[in-house]
Protein backbone atom coordinates (compact mmCIF):
# COMPACT_ATOMS: atom_id res chain seq x y z
CA MET A 1 -62.45 9.55 -83.27
CA ASN A 2 -59.34 11.49 -82.07
CA GLU A 3 -56.86 9.38 -80.15
CA LYS A 4 -53.32 10.51 -78.57
CA ILE A 5 -50.53 8.53 -79.94
CA PRO A 6 -47.92 7.92 -77.15
CA ASP A 7 -44.68 9.93 -78.85
CA PRO A 8 -42.38 6.89 -78.82
CA SER A 9 -38.98 9.04 -79.12
CA PRO A 10 -36.89 9.41 -75.64
CA LYS A 11 -37.51 12.53 -73.39
CA VAL A 12 -34.35 14.54 -73.15
CA GLY A 13 -34.95 15.79 -69.86
CA ASN A 14 -37.65 16.12 -67.18
CA THR A 15 -39.17 19.46 -67.30
CA SER A 16 -41.74 18.99 -64.60
CA GLY A 17 -39.35 18.76 -61.51
CA ALA A 18 -40.71 15.12 -60.47
CA PRO A 19 -38.11 12.87 -60.09
CA SER A 20 -38.17 9.90 -62.85
CA ALA A 21 -38.67 6.42 -62.26
CA ASN A 22 -35.89 5.23 -63.76
CA ALA A 23 -33.50 7.97 -62.08
CA VAL A 24 -30.65 6.38 -59.69
CA THR A 25 -30.41 8.41 -56.18
CA SER A 26 -28.10 8.52 -53.47
CA PRO A 27 -28.99 7.98 -49.97
CA LYS A 28 -29.07 11.37 -48.00
CA ARG A 29 -26.40 11.79 -45.43
CA ASN A 30 -28.00 12.93 -42.07
CA THR A 31 -26.98 16.52 -41.40
CA ALA A 32 -28.45 17.27 -38.43
CA PHE A 33 -26.56 18.46 -35.14
CA PRO A 34 -25.03 15.16 -33.55
CA TRP A 35 -26.47 15.74 -30.41
CA PHE A 36 -25.95 12.35 -29.16
CA PRO A 37 -22.14 12.44 -29.21
CA VAL A 38 -22.10 15.54 -27.69
CA VAL A 39 -24.24 15.03 -24.78
CA THR A 40 -22.44 11.98 -24.01
CA LEU A 41 -19.27 13.61 -23.99
CA ALA A 42 -20.88 16.56 -21.69
CA LEU A 43 -22.41 14.03 -19.64
CA VAL A 44 -18.96 11.86 -18.94
CA ALA A 45 -17.05 15.21 -18.57
CA ALA A 46 -19.56 15.97 -15.71
CA GLY A 47 -19.41 12.80 -14.15
CA ILE A 48 -15.38 13.06 -13.87
CA ALA A 49 -15.70 16.36 -12.71
CA ALA A 50 -18.14 15.49 -10.12
CA VAL A 51 -16.22 12.82 -9.27
CA GLN A 52 -12.87 14.60 -8.86
CA TRP A 53 -14.15 17.62 -6.83
CA ARG A 54 -15.62 15.30 -4.07
CA PRO A 55 -12.75 16.09 -1.46
CA GLU A 56 -13.70 13.06 0.73
CA LEU A 57 -13.92 10.09 -1.96
CA GLU A 58 -10.23 8.35 -1.58
CA ARG A 59 -8.07 8.93 -4.94
CA ASN A 60 -7.92 5.29 -5.38
CA LEU A 61 -12.22 5.00 -5.55
CA ARG A 62 -11.76 8.49 -7.62
CA ALA A 63 -9.16 7.17 -10.14
CA TRP A 64 -11.12 4.07 -10.74
CA ALA A 65 -14.37 5.53 -11.07
CA THR A 66 -12.66 8.34 -13.69
CA ALA A 67 -11.30 4.99 -15.84
CA ALA A 68 -14.87 3.73 -15.42
CA LEU A 69 -16.47 6.91 -16.62
CA ALA A 70 -13.97 7.30 -19.32
CA LEU A 71 -14.47 3.23 -20.70
CA LEU A 72 -18.11 3.66 -20.52
CA GLY A 73 -18.25 6.80 -22.72
CA THR A 74 -16.21 5.55 -25.48
CA VAL A 75 -18.10 1.97 -25.84
CA THR A 76 -21.34 4.30 -25.80
CA LEU A 77 -19.66 6.12 -28.70
CA LEU A 78 -18.53 2.93 -30.63
CA ILE A 79 -21.99 1.70 -30.51
CA TRP A 80 -23.73 5.11 -32.00
CA PHE A 81 -20.98 5.14 -34.75
CA LEU A 82 -21.74 1.40 -35.77
CA ALA A 83 -25.70 2.12 -35.41
CA SER A 84 -26.20 5.70 -36.85
CA SER A 85 -27.04 6.14 -40.31
CA ARG A 86 -25.31 9.30 -40.37
CA PHE A 87 -21.96 7.11 -41.73
CA ARG A 88 -22.49 4.63 -44.98
CA ALA A 89 -22.33 0.97 -44.05
CA ARG A 90 -18.69 0.56 -45.57
CA THR A 91 -17.31 3.25 -43.22
CA ARG A 92 -18.67 1.77 -40.34
CA LEU A 93 -17.22 -1.93 -41.22
CA VAL A 94 -14.19 0.10 -41.88
CA GLY A 95 -14.09 1.76 -38.28
CA LEU A 96 -15.24 -1.21 -36.29
CA ALA A 97 -12.28 -3.04 -38.45
CA ILE A 98 -9.77 -0.19 -37.29
CA VAL A 99 -10.94 -0.40 -33.50
CA ILE A 100 -10.69 -4.70 -33.58
CA LEU A 101 -7.09 -4.50 -35.08
CA SER A 102 -5.65 -1.69 -32.92
CA GLY A 103 -6.88 -3.36 -30.30
CA LEU A 104 -5.33 -6.50 -31.22
CA ALA A 105 -1.80 -4.56 -31.83
CA LEU A 106 -1.73 -2.97 -28.61
CA LYS A 107 -2.80 -6.22 -26.80
CA GLY A 108 0.65 -7.50 -28.42
CA ALA A 109 2.85 -4.66 -28.06
CA LEU A 110 1.77 -3.60 -24.31
CA ARG A 111 1.96 -5.84 -21.24
CA VAL A 112 1.27 -4.88 -17.57
CA ASP A 113 3.81 -3.80 -15.27
CA GLY A 114 2.43 -3.82 -11.95
CA THR A 115 0.52 -0.21 -10.48
CA ILE A 116 1.02 2.98 -11.82
CA ASN A 117 0.68 4.06 -7.92
CA GLY A 118 -1.31 2.96 -5.03
CA THR A 119 -4.66 4.03 -6.73
CA GLY A 120 -4.28 -0.25 -8.40
CA LEU A 121 -4.53 1.11 -11.83
CA PRO A 122 -2.71 -1.03 -14.29
CA ARG A 123 0.65 0.30 -15.83
CA LEU A 124 1.52 -0.53 -19.29
CA VAL A 125 4.54 -0.72 -20.99
CA TRP A 126 5.94 -2.07 -24.15
CA ARG A 127 6.61 -5.68 -24.33
CA GLY A 128 10.20 -6.53 -24.24
CA SER A 129 11.04 -2.98 -22.27
CA HIS A 130 12.94 -2.84 -19.25
CA SER A 131 10.58 -4.20 -16.17
CA ASP A 132 10.69 -2.99 -12.64
CA ALA A 133 10.33 -6.43 -11.54
CA THR A 134 13.49 -7.57 -12.31
CA PRO A 135 15.81 -4.78 -10.72
CA PRO A 136 19.63 -5.67 -10.79
CA THR A 137 21.08 -7.31 -7.87
CA ALA A 138 24.30 -8.21 -6.08
CA SER A 139 25.85 -11.43 -7.42
CA PRO A 140 26.83 -13.92 -4.56
CA ALA A 141 30.68 -13.21 -5.45
CA GLU A 142 30.14 -9.71 -3.83
CA THR A 143 28.58 -11.19 -0.51
CA VAL A 144 31.08 -10.13 2.15
CA GLN A 145 31.62 -11.92 5.61
CA LYS A 146 33.66 -9.37 8.11
CA PRO A 147 33.16 -7.92 11.42
CA VAL A 148 30.62 -4.63 11.64
CA HIS A 149 32.18 -1.58 13.78
CA ALA A 150 29.42 0.50 14.64
CA ALA A 151 31.54 2.94 16.49
CA ALA A 152 32.39 4.21 12.98
CA LEU A 153 29.13 5.92 12.56
CA PRO A 154 28.77 8.74 15.00
CA GLY A 155 25.07 8.83 16.41
CA LEU A 156 24.07 5.57 15.26
CA GLU A 157 21.21 3.80 17.17
CA ASP A 158 19.24 0.70 17.51
CA SER A 159 15.53 0.41 15.53
CA ALA A 160 15.40 -3.04 15.85
CA GLN A 161 11.25 -3.67 14.44
CA PHE A 162 8.69 -2.74 12.44
CA LEU A 163 7.85 1.17 13.61
CA GLY A 164 10.03 1.50 16.14
CA SER A 165 10.46 -0.22 19.72
CA ASP A 166 7.16 -0.17 20.69
CA ARG A 167 5.22 -0.16 17.27
CA ALA A 168 3.85 2.75 17.76
CA GLY A 169 5.40 5.01 14.51
CA VAL A 170 7.10 7.36 17.08
CA LEU A 171 10.62 7.90 18.19
CA PRO A 172 9.99 10.33 21.22
CA ILE A 173 13.80 12.25 20.88
CA ALA A 174 15.15 13.05 17.45
CA ARG A 175 18.91 12.73 17.04
CA PHE A 176 19.33 14.93 14.11
CA SER A 177 17.76 18.34 12.77
CA PRO A 178 15.32 18.32 10.08
CA ASN A 179 16.25 21.67 8.49
CA TRP A 180 17.80 19.73 5.41
CA THR A 181 17.49 23.15 3.16
CA THR A 182 20.95 24.89 5.07
CA GLN A 183 21.95 21.36 6.56
CA ALA A 184 21.94 18.97 3.69
CA PRO A 185 21.89 15.33 4.88
CA ARG A 186 25.19 13.33 3.44
CA GLU A 187 24.49 10.17 1.24
CA LEU A 188 26.53 6.90 2.63
CA TRP A 189 25.89 4.53 0.19
CA ARG A 190 23.28 3.13 -2.47
CA ARG A 191 22.83 -0.15 -3.85
CA PRO A 192 20.07 -2.23 -6.06
CA ILE A 193 18.23 -4.72 -4.24
CA GLY A 194 15.66 -6.97 -4.77
CA LEU A 195 11.63 -6.90 -4.79
CA GLY A 196 9.32 -6.37 -2.14
CA TRP A 197 8.31 -3.86 0.50
CA SER A 198 9.74 -5.25 3.50
CA SER A 199 11.38 -2.33 5.63
CA PHE A 200 14.80 -2.21 7.64
CA ALA A 201 15.65 -3.41 10.57
CA VAL A 202 18.73 -1.92 12.48
CA VAL A 203 21.23 -3.42 15.34
CA GLY A 204 24.52 -2.93 16.44
CA GLY A 205 25.83 -1.29 12.64
CA GLN A 206 24.26 -3.91 10.82
CA ALA A 207 20.31 -3.75 9.11
CA TRP A 208 18.19 -6.80 8.15
CA THR A 209 15.19 -6.75 5.63
CA GLN A 210 13.92 -9.10 3.07
CA GLU A 211 14.12 -9.17 -0.77
CA GLN A 212 13.04 -11.36 -3.83
CA VAL A 213 15.91 -12.48 -6.34
CA GLY A 214 14.22 -14.60 -8.99
CA ASP A 215 12.40 -17.64 -7.18
CA ASP A 216 14.36 -17.15 -4.06
CA GLU A 217 13.10 -15.14 -1.30
CA ARG A 218 15.94 -13.84 0.99
CA VAL A 219 16.40 -12.47 4.39
CA ILE A 220 19.56 -10.43 3.94
CA CYS A 221 21.94 -8.58 6.57
CA ILE A 222 24.02 -5.26 5.18
CA ASN A 223 26.65 -3.35 6.50
CA VAL A 224 25.06 -0.02 7.63
CA ALA A 225 28.55 1.98 7.22
CA THR A 226 29.11 0.45 3.66
CA GLY A 227 25.95 -1.04 2.04
CA GLN A 228 27.79 -4.57 1.76
CA THR A 229 25.97 -7.42 2.26
CA VAL A 230 27.18 -9.59 5.40
CA TRP A 231 25.06 -12.41 4.52
CA SER A 232 21.71 -13.85 2.83
CA HIS A 233 19.62 -16.65 4.00
CA SER A 234 17.48 -18.11 0.65
CA GLU A 235 14.11 -20.06 0.74
CA ARG A 236 12.98 -21.30 -2.77
CA THR A 237 9.68 -19.44 -2.70
CA ARG A 238 7.81 -16.62 -4.66
CA PHE A 239 4.81 -14.62 -3.92
CA SER A 240 3.48 -12.78 -7.03
CA GLU A 241 0.49 -10.64 -7.46
CA TRP A 242 -0.29 -8.04 -10.36
CA GLN A 243 -1.14 -5.08 -8.38
CA GLY A 244 1.06 -5.31 -5.20
CA GLY A 245 3.96 -6.75 -6.71
CA ASP A 246 6.29 -9.54 -6.04
CA GLY A 247 8.22 -10.33 -2.98
CA PRO A 248 8.25 -10.44 0.74
CA ARG A 249 6.26 -7.40 2.78
CA ALA A 250 7.27 -8.14 6.35
CA THR A 251 10.46 -6.39 8.10
CA PRO A 252 12.21 -8.54 10.11
CA THR A 253 12.63 -8.39 13.97
CA VAL A 254 15.83 -8.56 15.82
CA ARG A 255 15.81 -9.94 19.27
CA ASP A 256 18.44 -11.40 21.65
CA GLY A 257 21.31 -12.32 18.44
CA ARG A 258 18.22 -13.74 16.48
CA VAL A 259 16.45 -12.67 13.42
CA TYR A 260 12.67 -13.40 13.22
CA ALA A 261 10.93 -13.03 9.67
CA MET A 262 7.93 -13.67 7.74
CA GLY A 263 7.83 -14.12 3.93
CA GLY A 264 5.24 -13.49 1.70
CA THR A 265 4.13 -17.01 1.40
CA GLY A 266 3.61 -17.74 4.79
CA ILE A 267 7.00 -18.80 5.94
CA LEU A 268 8.77 -17.86 9.14
CA LEU A 269 12.29 -17.59 9.61
CA CYS A 270 14.41 -17.53 12.98
CA LEU A 271 18.02 -16.76 11.93
CA ASP A 272 21.01 -16.49 13.66
CA ALA A 273 21.80 -12.59 13.52
CA ALA A 274 25.43 -12.61 12.94
CA THR A 275 25.86 -15.75 10.52
CA GLY A 276 22.29 -16.20 9.13
CA ARG A 277 21.80 -19.95 10.06
CA LEU A 278 18.98 -21.34 10.16
CA VAL A 279 17.79 -21.87 13.96
CA TRP A 280 14.13 -22.78 12.92
CA ARG A 281 11.67 -22.43 10.60
CA ARG A 282 7.65 -22.69 10.54
CA SER A 283 5.08 -22.67 7.15
CA VAL A 284 2.63 -21.04 8.58
CA LEU A 285 -0.01 -20.96 6.16
CA GLU A 286 0.61 -24.87 5.42
CA GLU A 287 0.85 -26.28 8.51
CA ASN A 288 -2.74 -24.69 9.73
CA GLY A 289 -4.55 -25.39 6.08
CA LEU A 290 -4.71 -21.94 5.44
CA SER A 291 -4.86 -19.52 1.79
CA ASN A 292 -2.77 -16.51 1.44
CA LEU A 293 -3.97 -13.49 1.48
CA ILE A 294 -4.41 -11.88 -1.70
CA TRP A 295 -1.42 -9.34 -1.35
CA GLY A 296 0.59 -11.93 0.78
CA THR A 297 1.22 -12.37 4.13
CA SER A 298 2.66 -9.07 5.78
CA SER A 299 3.02 -9.78 9.47
CA SER A 300 6.44 -8.45 10.87
CA PRO A 301 6.98 -10.75 14.25
CA LEU A 302 6.08 -9.86 17.67
CA ILE A 303 8.64 -11.10 20.09
CA VAL A 304 7.02 -11.23 23.17
CA ASP A 305 7.42 -13.33 26.86
CA GLY A 306 9.73 -15.63 25.12
CA LEU A 307 7.03 -16.30 21.91
CA THR A 308 6.97 -14.83 18.63
CA VAL A 309 3.51 -14.15 17.35
CA ILE A 310 2.18 -13.34 13.63
CA THR A 311 -0.98 -13.17 11.95
CA GLY A 312 -2.61 -15.80 9.62
CA GLY A 313 -4.28 -16.15 6.45
CA ARG A 314 -7.53 -16.97 5.15
CA GLY A 315 -9.74 -19.92 6.07
CA SER A 316 -10.67 -21.68 8.92
CA GLY A 317 -7.93 -21.35 10.90
CA ALA A 318 -7.01 -18.65 13.53
CA VAL A 319 -5.99 -14.96 13.10
CA LEU A 320 -2.88 -15.40 15.84
CA TYR A 321 -0.38 -17.58 15.78
CA ALA A 322 2.11 -17.88 19.15
CA TYR A 323 5.31 -19.95 18.49
CA ARG A 324 8.06 -20.40 21.16
CA SER A 325 11.25 -18.36 20.09
CA ALA A 326 13.76 -21.15 21.52
CA ASP A 327 12.74 -23.92 19.35
CA GLY A 328 9.94 -22.94 17.14
CA SER A 329 7.34 -24.73 18.25
CA PRO A 330 3.50 -23.90 18.35
CA ALA A 331 2.50 -22.28 21.45
CA TRP A 332 -1.43 -21.08 21.37
CA LYS A 333 -2.93 -19.82 18.32
CA SER A 334 -6.50 -17.45 18.94
CA GLY A 335 -9.33 -16.11 17.06
CA ASP A 336 -10.96 -17.16 13.98
CA GLY A 337 -11.73 -15.70 10.58
CA ASP A 338 -9.18 -13.95 8.12
CA ALA A 339 -6.02 -11.93 8.96
CA SER A 340 -5.78 -9.13 7.43
CA TYR A 341 -2.09 -6.82 6.59
CA ALA A 342 -1.36 -5.06 9.71
CA SER A 343 1.06 -6.16 12.61
CA PRO A 344 0.40 -7.15 15.83
CA ILE A 345 1.11 -5.13 18.84
CA LEU A 346 1.39 -5.55 22.25
CA ALA A 347 -0.67 -2.65 24.44
CA THR A 348 -1.87 -1.85 28.28
CA LEU A 349 -5.69 -1.00 28.21
CA ALA A 350 -8.00 -1.09 31.13
CA GLY A 351 -4.80 -2.38 33.32
CA ARG A 352 -4.87 -5.37 30.94
CA ARG A 353 -1.55 -6.71 29.36
CA MET A 354 -2.49 -7.52 25.74
CA ILE A 355 -1.80 -8.24 22.00
CA LEU A 356 -3.83 -6.44 19.85
CA SER A 357 -4.63 -7.75 16.06
CA ASN A 358 -6.19 -5.67 13.34
CA ASN A 359 -7.67 -8.32 11.44
CA ALA A 360 -9.92 -8.59 8.00
CA THR A 361 -13.25 -7.61 9.85
CA SER A 362 -12.37 -6.74 13.72
CA LEU A 363 -9.92 -5.70 16.23
CA THR A 364 -8.85 -8.16 18.79
CA ALA A 365 -7.33 -8.46 21.89
CA HIS A 366 -5.48 -11.80 23.52
CA ASP A 367 -3.74 -12.63 26.62
CA PRO A 368 -0.12 -13.07 25.78
CA THR A 369 0.05 -16.15 27.68
CA THR A 370 -2.52 -17.86 26.46
CA GLY A 371 -3.96 -16.25 23.70
CA ARG A 372 -7.18 -15.88 25.14
CA ILE A 373 -9.63 -13.18 23.62
CA LEU A 374 -9.98 -10.30 25.75
CA PHE A 375 -12.09 -8.57 23.11
CA ASN A 376 -13.56 -8.71 19.71
CA HIS A 377 -14.69 -5.13 18.05
CA ALA A 378 -15.98 -5.87 14.63
CA TRP A 379 -15.31 -2.79 12.49
CA GLY A 380 -14.45 -2.81 8.36
CA GLY A 381 -15.07 -5.19 6.32
CA SER A 382 -13.12 -8.36 4.58
CA LYS A 383 -13.42 -6.89 0.93
CA TRP A 384 -11.09 -4.19 1.45
CA PRO A 385 -7.52 -4.64 3.14
CA LYS A 386 -6.37 -3.68 6.28
CA ALA A 387 -2.69 -2.28 6.34
CA SER A 388 -2.48 0.53 9.49
CA GLN A 389 -1.53 0.02 13.01
CA PRO A 390 -4.06 0.47 15.35
CA VAL A 391 -2.80 3.26 17.46
CA VAL A 392 -3.47 3.14 21.68
CA LEU A 393 -4.70 6.34 22.87
CA PRO A 394 -4.37 8.30 26.66
CA GLY A 395 -7.82 6.56 28.62
CA ASP A 396 -8.04 3.31 27.78
CA ARG A 397 -9.08 4.10 23.93
CA VAL A 398 -7.47 2.48 20.47
CA PHE A 399 -7.63 4.43 17.15
CA VAL A 400 -7.93 2.48 14.52
CA SER A 401 -7.88 3.66 10.63
CA GLY A 402 -8.43 2.45 6.86
CA GLY A 403 -8.53 2.89 3.42
CA TYR A 404 -10.82 2.56 0.78
CA GLY A 405 -14.09 4.02 2.57
CA MET A 406 -13.73 2.28 6.13
CA GLY A 407 -12.27 5.53 7.81
CA CYS A 408 -11.63 5.56 11.18
CA GLN A 409 -12.54 5.03 14.64
CA ILE A 410 -11.88 5.48 18.47
CA ILE A 411 -12.52 2.39 20.26
CA GLN A 412 -13.38 2.70 23.83
CA VAL A 413 -12.31 0.04 26.25
CA LYS A 414 -14.08 -0.99 29.71
CA THR A 415 -14.15 -3.46 32.38
CA GLY A 416 -16.17 -6.19 32.05
CA GLU A 417 -19.76 -6.35 34.02
CA ALA A 418 -20.13 -5.12 37.43
CA GLY A 419 -18.27 -7.45 40.02
CA SER A 420 -16.23 -9.03 37.70
CA ASP A 421 -12.28 -10.12 38.10
CA SER A 422 -11.30 -7.03 35.96
CA ALA A 423 -7.67 -8.88 35.90
CA THR A 424 -9.11 -12.23 34.32
CA GLY A 425 -12.17 -11.49 33.19
CA THR A 426 -13.05 -10.33 29.25
CA LEU A 427 -13.22 -6.67 28.39
CA LYS A 428 -16.15 -4.77 26.94
CA THR A 429 -15.75 -2.13 23.91
CA GLU A 430 -17.54 0.80 22.53
CA THR A 431 -17.27 2.98 19.50
CA ALA A 432 -16.42 6.39 20.93
CA TRP A 433 -16.59 7.82 17.25
CA LYS A 434 -16.02 7.04 13.99
CA GLY A 435 -15.59 9.42 10.95
CA ILE A 436 -13.82 10.02 7.67
CA THR A 437 -11.25 12.65 9.09
CA MET A 438 -8.33 9.98 8.41
CA LYS A 439 -8.30 7.77 5.53
CA THR A 440 -4.74 5.52 5.63
CA GLN A 441 -4.12 2.91 3.14
CA PHE A 442 -1.06 1.45 3.50
CA ASN A 443 0.10 4.20 5.88
CA SER A 444 0.15 3.82 9.78
CA PRO A 445 -0.40 7.15 11.88
CA GLY A 446 1.45 8.37 14.69
CA LEU A 447 0.62 10.09 18.25
CA ARG A 448 2.65 13.15 19.28
CA ASN A 449 1.63 15.57 22.06
CA GLY A 450 -2.25 15.08 22.05
CA TYR A 451 -2.91 14.83 18.06
CA LEU A 452 -2.27 11.84 15.37
CA TYR A 453 -0.30 12.38 12.07
CA GLY A 454 -0.77 10.57 9.18
CA LEU A 455 -1.51 10.22 5.32
CA ASP A 456 -4.99 10.88 4.96
CA ASP A 457 -5.55 9.51 1.23
CA GLY A 458 -2.23 10.82 0.37
CA LEU A 459 -2.43 14.25 2.07
CA LEU A 460 -0.31 14.75 5.85
CA ALA A 461 -3.02 15.36 8.52
CA CYS A 462 -3.21 16.34 11.86
CA VAL A 463 -6.36 14.87 13.87
CA ASP A 464 -7.11 16.04 17.32
CA ALA A 465 -7.11 12.39 19.18
CA SER A 466 -9.69 13.40 21.78
CA ASN A 467 -12.28 14.12 19.19
CA GLY A 468 -11.35 12.76 15.84
CA ARG A 469 -11.26 16.33 14.68
CA ARG A 470 -9.69 17.02 11.73
CA ILE A 471 -6.83 20.06 12.43
CA TRP A 472 -5.37 20.29 8.86
CA LYS A 473 -4.12 18.29 6.10
CA ASP A 474 -1.46 19.57 3.20
CA GLY A 475 0.71 18.20 1.08
CA ARG A 476 0.46 15.57 -1.78
CA PHE A 477 2.43 11.97 -0.76
CA GLY A 478 0.48 9.40 -2.08
CA SER A 479 0.53 5.67 -0.79
CA GLY A 480 3.52 6.85 0.92
CA GLN A 481 4.40 6.26 4.53
CA THR A 482 5.00 8.13 7.82
CA LEU A 483 6.99 7.98 11.14
CA ILE A 484 7.39 10.61 13.70
CA VAL A 485 10.58 11.17 15.37
CA GLY A 486 10.42 14.01 17.96
CA ASP A 487 8.89 16.95 16.17
CA THR A 488 9.44 16.13 13.39
CA VAL A 489 7.12 13.58 10.75
CA VAL A 490 9.29 11.89 8.37
CA VAL A 491 7.47 11.30 5.27
CA GLN A 492 8.48 8.89 2.55
CA ASN A 493 6.96 10.01 -0.54
CA GLU A 494 5.29 7.10 -3.20
CA ASN A 495 7.44 8.66 -5.45
CA GLY A 496 10.65 8.07 -3.61
CA THR A 497 11.48 11.35 -2.12
CA VAL A 498 12.01 12.15 1.49
CA HIS A 499 10.07 14.85 3.66
CA ALA A 500 10.83 16.43 6.97
CA CYS A 501 7.66 17.95 7.87
CA ALA A 502 6.75 19.69 11.59
CA ALA A 503 4.64 17.57 13.78
CA SER A 504 2.60 20.89 14.85
CA PRO A 505 -1.57 21.51 15.23
CA ASP A 506 -0.42 24.84 14.23
CA GLY A 507 -0.51 23.76 10.15
CA PHE A 508 1.39 21.94 7.76
CA ARG A 509 5.36 22.75 7.32
CA GLU A 510 7.99 21.35 5.24
CA LEU A 511 11.24 21.73 6.87
CA GLY A 512 13.24 19.82 3.82
CA GLN A 513 13.28 17.07 1.71
CA ILE A 514 15.78 14.45 0.04
CA ALA A 515 15.71 13.03 -3.45
CA ALA A 516 16.11 9.64 -2.13
CA LEU A 517 14.70 7.18 -4.68
CA SER A 518 13.08 7.86 -7.82
CA SER A 519 10.40 5.42 -8.24
CA LYS A 520 7.00 3.87 -6.62
CA THR A 521 8.06 3.38 -2.71
CA TRP A 522 5.81 1.77 -0.39
CA ASN A 523 8.40 0.74 2.15
CA GLN A 524 8.67 2.13 5.61
CA PRO A 525 11.27 4.40 6.15
CA SER A 526 13.57 3.19 8.81
CA VAL A 527 15.60 6.10 11.33
CA ALA A 528 18.25 4.66 13.59
CA GLY A 529 19.56 7.82 15.26
CA ARG A 530 20.93 9.97 12.93
CA TYR A 531 20.66 7.76 10.03
CA LEU A 532 17.98 7.15 7.93
CA LEU A 533 17.69 3.94 5.40
CA VAL A 534 15.38 3.58 2.75
CA ARG A 535 14.69 1.57 0.00
CA ASN A 536 12.08 0.38 -2.58
CA ASP A 537 11.67 -2.47 -4.97
CA ARG A 538 14.68 -1.67 -6.76
CA GLU A 539 17.33 0.02 -4.54
CA ALA A 540 18.34 0.95 -1.23
CA VAL A 541 20.24 4.04 0.00
CA CYS A 542 21.36 5.30 3.68
CA TRP A 543 21.90 8.78 4.57
CA GLU A 544 23.68 10.33 7.44
CA LEU A 545 21.46 13.36 8.76
CA PRO A 546 22.99 16.39 10.33
CA ALA A 547 22.92 16.29 14.09
CA ALA A 548 20.67 17.79 16.34
CA GLY A 549 21.68 21.68 17.88
CA ARG A 550 23.51 22.34 14.64
């Protein structure tokens, strides 16, 4: 019987090619082509390109969509990295730890300082760095009390309220030459100023605006010739909101030796224009049980027939409030629903004198004497702000516009039913046209010779007022402001520069520009004859413009 006895000696090697049962094998790395991250990056890039190439998609929506796609792509790649077998477990854990620690470090090292621009994307800065929200300001010791001589400024004219004498954003006659390339404007003065998006009202050599200094909301009077403070009035209040920034928004109104100003928290003031003495004060939101608007009350007071008219806030109150200018006592309130960020204007439509108010969800018309609603035309939605003024067009029409996808409309106003008293009855409205040819955000367009000029999503546009057709758009001015002066559109760029452009349907033409300011500027420019006053939330400057005809 032949039996094979196993050889007890160890094998030196494995010559069969089969793996030994006792062999220790290393995990095989996945060397296949990384399709998932490549496809993910390609899809994100394609999505961003599609967003950027949509010409009528507003830049704020475009910016947020781009940021969202980039964030989605980053999170998707991080999940793939943590779940992928291409990397060892230790590598994935170390990577996750690095991501977490980096996030915590950046959170501790960075802070949000407002927004980059009108798109609303947060501006990140290093903690401890200088904040635009705390600009240098003049000390009380620098305040002066002395008479102002308007004769020292040849060509100075009054600009007593927001957007000109009728709030249309149009000054019919230009007292200056817009050819700033060959005739350079002269800087008269430059000074620091507090926070806020208020503009200037100018009367008799003095200018009034609002600012935030610490916890004080101020109305200040400035000598147009020197830039020095004549007086200031303070209220212990502060409106604060991370996107829109801190401070008051509205522009004061000057009438009959008094200054009327609405602050960011809903405080309405009447002050003596010469001294700043308080005449009367109303806390509009508090007295009427209203909540503030998200970005603060922004109504520039309208003075009409001895009344001071302003918009309200959010809640079950009215949209318009009228106070007697003599003593501040309530006269009437009208409408319901939420207000928005535009200011009331006086207009005549269908033979009726009325106050127009651009509200959160509607355009309403009110009788100036009683506040009675003459029409209520629904448009837009309360989710997004409306900051543009309505523009009255020939033929009893009104042009309204907004950003954030609302676009624009031409509203036809008509008398009521046949046989009704057109002098006392309500009015009817219908949408004559609507489209997206003017997508204003903070800007209010103006009408000149049958054409509307304004910023269509940051580009200066010319629109035919008869049919809403866009004629041209060009230039890049961000969330800036415009003012039509004669045949010139003065454009305050969001970056601080001021541009003079031709108000002509023949095409975009820039005539000159001034490097006026150097940081984010959302304030409306003020033109008082040959003098241009501009400001932002850090500094103010006055320019003497070259005389017309030179």
